[in-house]
Amino acid sequence: MYMIKIIPYALVIIGLIINLIAGLYFNSNFIVLMLKSIVLTISLTTCGILISDTLKRNYMINVNKQMNEKKQSYNFEAYIPPITDEEFASLNKEDDFQEINPADLYNKK
């Protein structure tokens, strides 16, 4: 999040340094160089603010999605009663399947 906040400043500083180095290298007039720096500062500040606002919105959307996913984690606990050997022996060998209502197995906390 900290990097998103410094994007406009970094863009302006890097842009001005490149502009000054190029202006001094090509022996530009000082007044022209300063006018170009003013225009460059305004345009890079505007672009940097727009970029950082877009990244902040995307970051907040992702954080909200992650928080909602954490909130929606459900705990399902089922209690299956143990069966004794006598009950197991009393079961019909042909009918091994017993229907159980799933609502009876759910324990709310």
N, C-alpha and C. Protein backbone atom coordinates (compact mmCIF):
# COMPACT_ATOMS: atom_id res chain seq x y z
N MET A 1 0.82 -1.19 0.00
CA MET A 1 0.00 0.00 0.00
C MET A 1 0.87 1.25 0.00
N TYR A 2 2.02 1.17 0.66
CA TYR A 2 2.91 2.33 0.72
C TYR A 2 3.44 2.69 -0.66
N MET A 3 3.73 1.69 -1.48
CA MET A 3 4.25 1.95 -2.83
C MET A 3 3.21 2.67 -3.69
N ILE A 4 1.94 2.40 -3.46
CA ILE A 4 0.89 3.05 -4.24
C ILE A 4 0.86 4.55 -3.92
N LYS A 5 1.13 4.90 -2.67
CA LYS A 5 1.08 6.31 -2.27
C LYS A 5 2.22 7.13 -2.85
N ILE A 6 3.37 6.52 -3.10
CA ILE A 6 4.52 7.30 -3.58
C ILE A 6 4.66 7.31 -5.10
N ILE A 7 3.77 6.66 -5.82
CA ILE A 7 3.86 6.61 -7.29
C ILE A 7 3.85 8.01 -7.92
N PRO A 8 2.95 8.93 -7.53
CA PRO A 8 2.98 10.26 -8.16
C PRO A 8 4.32 10.99 -7.93
N TYR A 9 4.84 10.91 -6.72
CA TYR A 9 6.10 11.59 -6.41
C TYR A 9 7.26 10.98 -7.19
N ALA A 10 7.28 9.66 -7.25
CA ALA A 10 8.37 8.99 -7.97
C ALA A 10 8.32 9.33 -9.45
N LEU A 11 7.13 9.35 -10.05
CA LEU A 11 7.01 9.70 -11.47
C LEU A 11 7.52 11.11 -11.74
N VAL A 12 7.15 12.06 -10.89
CA VAL A 12 7.56 13.45 -11.10
C VAL A 12 9.08 13.58 -10.95
N ILE A 13 9.64 12.99 -9.92
CA ILE A 13 11.09 13.10 -9.69
C ILE A 13 11.88 12.45 -10.83
N ILE A 14 11.50 11.27 -11.21
CA ILE A 14 12.22 10.57 -12.30
C ILE A 14 12.06 11.34 -13.62
N GLY A 15 10.86 11.82 -13.90
CA GLY A 15 10.63 12.58 -15.13
C GLY A 15 11.43 13.87 -15.18
N LEU A 16 11.50 14.59 -14.06
CA LEU A 16 12.26 15.84 -14.03
C LEU A 16 13.76 15.59 -14.16
N ILE A 17 14.24 14.54 -13.53
CA ILE A 17 15.67 14.22 -13.64
C ILE A 17 16.02 13.88 -15.08
N ILE A 18 15.20 13.08 -15.74
CA ILE A 18 15.46 12.73 -17.14
C ILE A 18 15.38 13.97 -18.03
N ASN A 19 14.39 14.85 -17.76
CA ASN A 19 14.24 16.07 -18.55
C ASN A 19 15.46 16.99 -18.37
N LEU A 20 15.93 17.16 -17.15
CA LEU A 20 17.08 18.04 -16.91
C LEU A 20 18.36 17.47 -17.51
N ILE A 21 18.55 16.17 -17.39
CA ILE A 21 19.75 15.55 -17.98
C ILE A 21 19.72 15.69 -19.50
N ALA A 22 18.57 15.43 -20.10
CA ALA A 22 18.46 15.55 -21.57
C ALA A 22 18.63 17.00 -22.00
N GLY A 23 18.06 17.95 -21.23
CA GLY A 23 18.19 19.36 -21.57
C GLY A 23 19.63 19.85 -21.46
N LEU A 24 20.33 19.41 -20.43
CA LEU A 24 21.73 19.82 -20.28
C LEU A 24 22.63 19.13 -21.31
N TYR A 25 22.30 17.91 -21.65
CA TYR A 25 23.10 17.18 -22.64
C TYR A 25 22.99 17.81 -24.02
N PHE A 26 21.78 18.26 -24.39
CA PHE A 26 21.56 18.84 -25.71
C PHE A 26 21.69 20.37 -25.70
N ASN A 27 22.17 20.96 -24.61
CA ASN A 27 22.40 22.40 -24.46
C ASN A 27 21.15 23.22 -24.80
N SER A 28 20.01 22.86 -24.15
CA SER A 28 18.77 23.60 -24.37
C SER A 28 18.82 24.94 -23.63
N ASN A 29 18.00 25.88 -24.09
CA ASN A 29 17.87 27.17 -23.43
C ASN A 29 17.25 26.94 -22.05
N PHE A 30 17.70 27.72 -21.05
CA PHE A 30 17.24 27.54 -19.68
C PHE A 30 15.74 27.79 -19.55
N ILE A 31 15.22 28.81 -20.20
CA ILE A 31 13.79 29.14 -20.11
C ILE A 31 12.95 28.03 -20.73
N VAL A 32 13.39 27.50 -21.86
CA VAL A 32 12.67 26.40 -22.50
C VAL A 32 12.70 25.17 -21.61
N LEU A 33 13.85 24.92 -21.01
CA LEU A 33 14.00 23.76 -20.13
C LEU A 33 13.07 23.86 -18.92
N MET A 34 12.94 25.05 -18.34
CA MET A 34 12.07 25.24 -17.18
C MET A 34 10.60 25.16 -17.57
N LEU A 35 10.22 25.68 -18.74
CA LEU A 35 8.83 25.56 -19.19
C LEU A 35 8.47 24.09 -19.45
N LYS A 36 9.40 23.36 -20.04
CA LYS A 36 9.16 21.93 -20.25
C LYS A 36 9.04 21.21 -18.91
N SER A 37 9.82 21.63 -17.92
CA SER A 37 9.76 21.00 -16.60
C SER A 37 8.42 21.27 -15.93
N ILE A 38 7.89 22.48 -16.09
CA ILE A 38 6.59 22.81 -15.49
C ILE A 38 5.49 21.96 -16.12
N VAL A 39 5.48 21.89 -17.43
CA VAL A 39 4.46 21.09 -18.12
C VAL A 39 4.61 19.62 -17.75
N LEU A 40 5.85 19.17 -17.68
CA LEU A 40 6.11 17.77 -17.32
C LEU A 40 5.66 17.47 -15.90
N THR A 41 5.89 18.39 -14.98
CA THR A 41 5.47 18.21 -13.58
C THR A 41 3.95 18.09 -13.49
N ILE A 42 3.24 18.98 -14.17
CA ILE A 42 1.78 18.95 -14.12
C ILE A 42 1.23 17.67 -14.73
N SER A 43 1.75 17.27 -15.88
CA SER A 43 1.23 16.08 -16.55
C SER A 43 1.57 14.80 -15.78
N LEU A 44 2.80 14.71 -15.27
CA LEU A 44 3.16 13.49 -14.53
C LEU A 44 2.45 13.40 -13.19
N THR A 45 2.19 14.54 -12.56
CA THR A 45 1.42 14.52 -11.31
C THR A 45 0.00 14.03 -11.56
N THR A 46 -0.62 14.52 -12.62
CA THR A 46 -1.98 14.09 -12.96
C THR A 46 -2.02 12.59 -13.27
N CYS A 47 -1.08 12.13 -14.08
CA CYS A 47 -1.03 10.70 -14.42
C CYS A 47 -0.75 9.85 -13.18
N GLY A 48 0.16 10.29 -12.34
CA GLY A 48 0.49 9.54 -11.14
C GLY A 48 -0.67 9.43 -10.18
N ILE A 49 -1.42 10.53 -10.02
CA ILE A 49 -2.59 10.49 -9.14
C ILE A 49 -3.65 9.55 -9.69
N LEU A 50 -3.89 9.60 -11.00
CA LEU A 50 -4.87 8.70 -11.60
C LEU A 50 -4.46 7.24 -11.46
N ILE A 51 -3.19 6.96 -11.67
CA ILE A 51 -2.69 5.58 -11.55
C ILE A 51 -2.80 5.10 -10.11
N SER A 52 -2.39 5.94 -9.16
CA SER A 52 -2.44 5.50 -7.76
C SER A 52 -3.88 5.32 -7.28
N ASP A 53 -4.81 6.18 -7.73
CA ASP A 53 -6.22 6.00 -7.35
C ASP A 53 -6.78 4.69 -7.91
N THR A 54 -6.43 4.38 -9.15
CA THR A 54 -6.88 3.12 -9.75
C THR A 54 -6.32 1.92 -9.00
N LEU A 55 -5.04 1.98 -8.65
CA LEU A 55 -4.44 0.87 -7.91
C LEU A 55 -5.02 0.74 -6.51
N LYS A 56 -5.32 1.87 -5.86
CA LYS A 56 -5.94 1.82 -4.53
C LYS A 56 -7.31 1.15 -4.60
N ARG A 57 -8.11 1.53 -5.62
CA ARG A 57 -9.43 0.92 -5.76
C ARG A 57 -9.33 -0.58 -5.98
N ASN A 58 -8.41 -1.00 -6.85
CA ASN A 58 -8.23 -2.43 -7.11
C ASN A 58 -7.75 -3.15 -5.86
N TYR A 59 -6.85 -2.52 -5.12
CA TYR A 59 -6.35 -3.12 -3.88
C TYR A 59 -7.48 -3.29 -2.87
N MET A 60 -8.32 -2.26 -2.73
CA MET A 60 -9.42 -2.34 -1.77
C MET A 60 -10.46 -3.38 -2.20
N ILE A 61 -10.69 -3.51 -3.50
CA ILE A 61 -11.62 -4.53 -3.98
C ILE A 61 -11.09 -5.92 -3.64
N ASN A 62 -9.79 -6.14 -3.85
CA ASN A 62 -9.19 -7.44 -3.53
C ASN A 62 -9.22 -7.72 -2.04
N VAL A 63 -8.96 -6.70 -1.22
CA VAL A 63 -9.00 -6.89 0.23
C VAL A 63 -10.42 -7.24 0.67
N ASN A 64 -11.41 -6.55 0.11
CA ASN A 64 -12.81 -6.84 0.48
C ASN A 64 -13.22 -8.24 0.05
N LYS A 65 -12.76 -8.69 -1.12
CA LYS A 65 -13.07 -10.05 -1.56
C LYS A 65 -12.46 -11.08 -0.61
N GLN A 66 -11.23 -10.85 -0.19
CA GLN A 66 -10.57 -11.78 0.71
C GLN A 66 -11.27 -11.81 2.07
N MET A 67 -11.71 -10.64 2.55
CA MET A 67 -12.42 -10.60 3.83
C MET A 67 -13.76 -11.33 3.73
N ASN A 68 -14.47 -11.18 2.61
CA ASN A 68 -15.74 -11.87 2.43
C ASN A 68 -15.54 -13.38 2.34
N GLU A 69 -14.45 -13.82 1.70
CA GLU A 69 -14.18 -15.25 1.62
C GLU A 69 -13.87 -15.82 2.99
N LYS A 70 -13.20 -15.06 3.83
CA LYS A 70 -12.90 -15.54 5.18
C LYS A 70 -14.17 -15.61 6.02
N LYS A 71 -15.08 -14.65 5.82
CA LYS A 71 -16.33 -14.64 6.58
C LYS A 71 -17.24 -15.80 6.18
N GLN A 72 -17.17 -16.25 4.95
CA GLN A 72 -18.08 -17.27 4.45
C GLN A 72 -17.59 -18.69 4.70
N SER A 73 -16.53 -18.85 5.45
CA SER A 73 -16.07 -20.21 5.73
C SER A 73 -17.02 -20.83 6.77
N TYR A 74 -17.62 -21.93 6.40
CA TYR A 74 -18.59 -22.60 7.25
C TYR A 74 -17.94 -23.82 7.89
N ASN A 75 -18.33 -24.07 9.11
CA ASN A 75 -17.88 -25.27 9.80
C ASN A 75 -19.06 -26.24 9.87
N PHE A 76 -18.88 -27.36 9.27
CA PHE A 76 -19.91 -28.40 9.29
C PHE A 76 -19.40 -29.53 10.15
N GLU A 77 -20.16 -29.85 11.15
CA GLU A 77 -19.75 -30.91 12.06
C GLU A 77 -20.87 -31.94 12.11
N ALA A 78 -20.53 -33.15 11.86
CA ALA A 78 -21.53 -34.22 11.86
C ALA A 78 -21.20 -35.19 12.99
N TYR A 79 -22.21 -35.59 13.69
CA TYR A 79 -22.04 -36.58 14.75
C TYR A 79 -22.64 -37.89 14.27
N ILE A 80 -21.81 -38.87 14.14
CA ILE A 80 -22.27 -40.20 13.73
C ILE A 80 -22.14 -41.10 14.96
N PRO A 81 -23.26 -41.56 15.47
CA PRO A 81 -23.20 -42.36 16.70
C PRO A 81 -22.51 -43.71 16.44
N PRO A 82 -21.73 -44.15 17.40
CA PRO A 82 -21.05 -45.43 17.22
C PRO A 82 -22.05 -46.60 17.28
N ILE A 83 -21.69 -47.66 16.64
CA ILE A 83 -22.54 -48.84 16.61
C ILE A 83 -21.81 -49.97 17.36
N THR A 84 -22.54 -50.69 18.17
CA THR A 84 -21.93 -51.78 18.93
C THR A 84 -21.93 -53.06 18.08
N ASP A 85 -21.21 -54.05 18.58
CA ASP A 85 -21.14 -55.31 17.86
C ASP A 85 -22.50 -56.01 17.80
N GLU A 86 -23.28 -55.88 18.84
CA GLU A 86 -24.59 -56.51 18.85
C GLU A 86 -25.53 -55.87 17.82
N GLU A 87 -25.47 -54.53 17.73
CA GLU A 87 -26.29 -53.84 16.74
C GLU A 87 -25.84 -54.18 15.32
N PHE A 88 -24.53 -54.31 15.16
CA PHE A 88 -24.01 -54.67 13.85
C PHE A 88 -24.44 -56.08 13.44
N ALA A 89 -24.44 -56.97 14.38
CA ALA A 89 -24.83 -58.35 14.09
C ALA A 89 -26.34 -58.43 13.81
N SER A 90 -27.11 -57.54 14.43
CA SER A 90 -28.56 -57.59 14.23
C SER A 90 -28.99 -57.00 12.88
N LEU A 91 -28.08 -56.32 12.21
CA LEU A 91 -28.43 -55.76 10.91
C LEU A 91 -28.64 -56.87 9.89
N ASN A 92 -29.54 -56.65 8.99
CA ASN A 92 -29.80 -57.62 7.94
C ASN A 92 -28.61 -57.62 6.99
N LYS A 93 -28.10 -58.80 6.67
CA LYS A 93 -26.93 -58.92 5.79
C LYS A 93 -27.23 -58.42 4.38
N GLU A 94 -28.47 -58.53 3.94
CA GLU A 94 -28.81 -58.10 2.60
C GLU A 94 -28.98 -56.58 2.52
N ASP A 95 -29.36 -55.97 3.61
CA ASP A 95 -29.63 -54.53 3.61
C ASP A 95 -28.57 -53.83 4.47
N ASP A 96 -27.41 -53.53 3.87
CA ASP A 96 -26.34 -52.87 4.61
C ASP A 96 -26.54 -51.35 4.65
N PHE A 97 -27.35 -50.82 3.76
CA PHE A 97 -27.53 -49.38 3.68
C PHE A 97 -28.67 -48.93 4.57
N GLN A 98 -28.41 -47.89 5.38
CA GLN A 98 -29.46 -47.31 6.20
C GLN A 98 -29.57 -45.84 5.85
N GLU A 99 -30.80 -45.39 5.71
CA GLU A 99 -31.00 -43.98 5.40
C GLU A 99 -30.93 -43.17 6.68
N ILE A 100 -30.18 -42.06 6.61
CA ILE A 100 -30.06 -41.17 7.75
C ILE A 100 -30.37 -39.77 7.26
N ASN A 101 -31.17 -39.07 8.00
CA ASN A 101 -31.49 -37.69 7.65
C ASN A 101 -30.27 -36.81 7.96
N PRO A 102 -29.71 -36.12 6.96
CA PRO A 102 -28.53 -35.28 7.21
C PRO A 102 -28.79 -34.14 8.19
N ALA A 103 -30.05 -33.71 8.30
CA ALA A 103 -30.36 -32.63 9.23
C ALA A 103 -30.17 -33.07 10.67
N ASP A 104 -30.33 -34.36 10.94
CA ASP A 104 -30.14 -34.86 12.30
C ASP A 104 -28.66 -34.88 12.69
N LEU A 105 -27.76 -34.86 11.71
CA LEU A 105 -26.33 -34.96 12.00
C LEU A 105 -25.69 -33.59 12.20
N TYR A 106 -26.36 -32.53 11.87
CA TYR A 106 -25.75 -31.19 11.91
C TYR A 106 -25.87 -30.59 13.32
N ASN A 107 -24.75 -30.19 13.89
CA ASN A 107 -24.71 -29.55 15.19
C ASN A 107 -24.40 -28.08 15.01
N LYS A 108 -25.30 -27.20 15.46
CA LYS A 108 -25.04 -25.78 15.38
C LYS A 108 -24.28 -25.35 16.63
N LYS A 109 -23.31 -24.44 16.41
CA LYS A 109 -22.54 -23.94 17.56
C LYS A 109 -23.00 -22.56 17.94
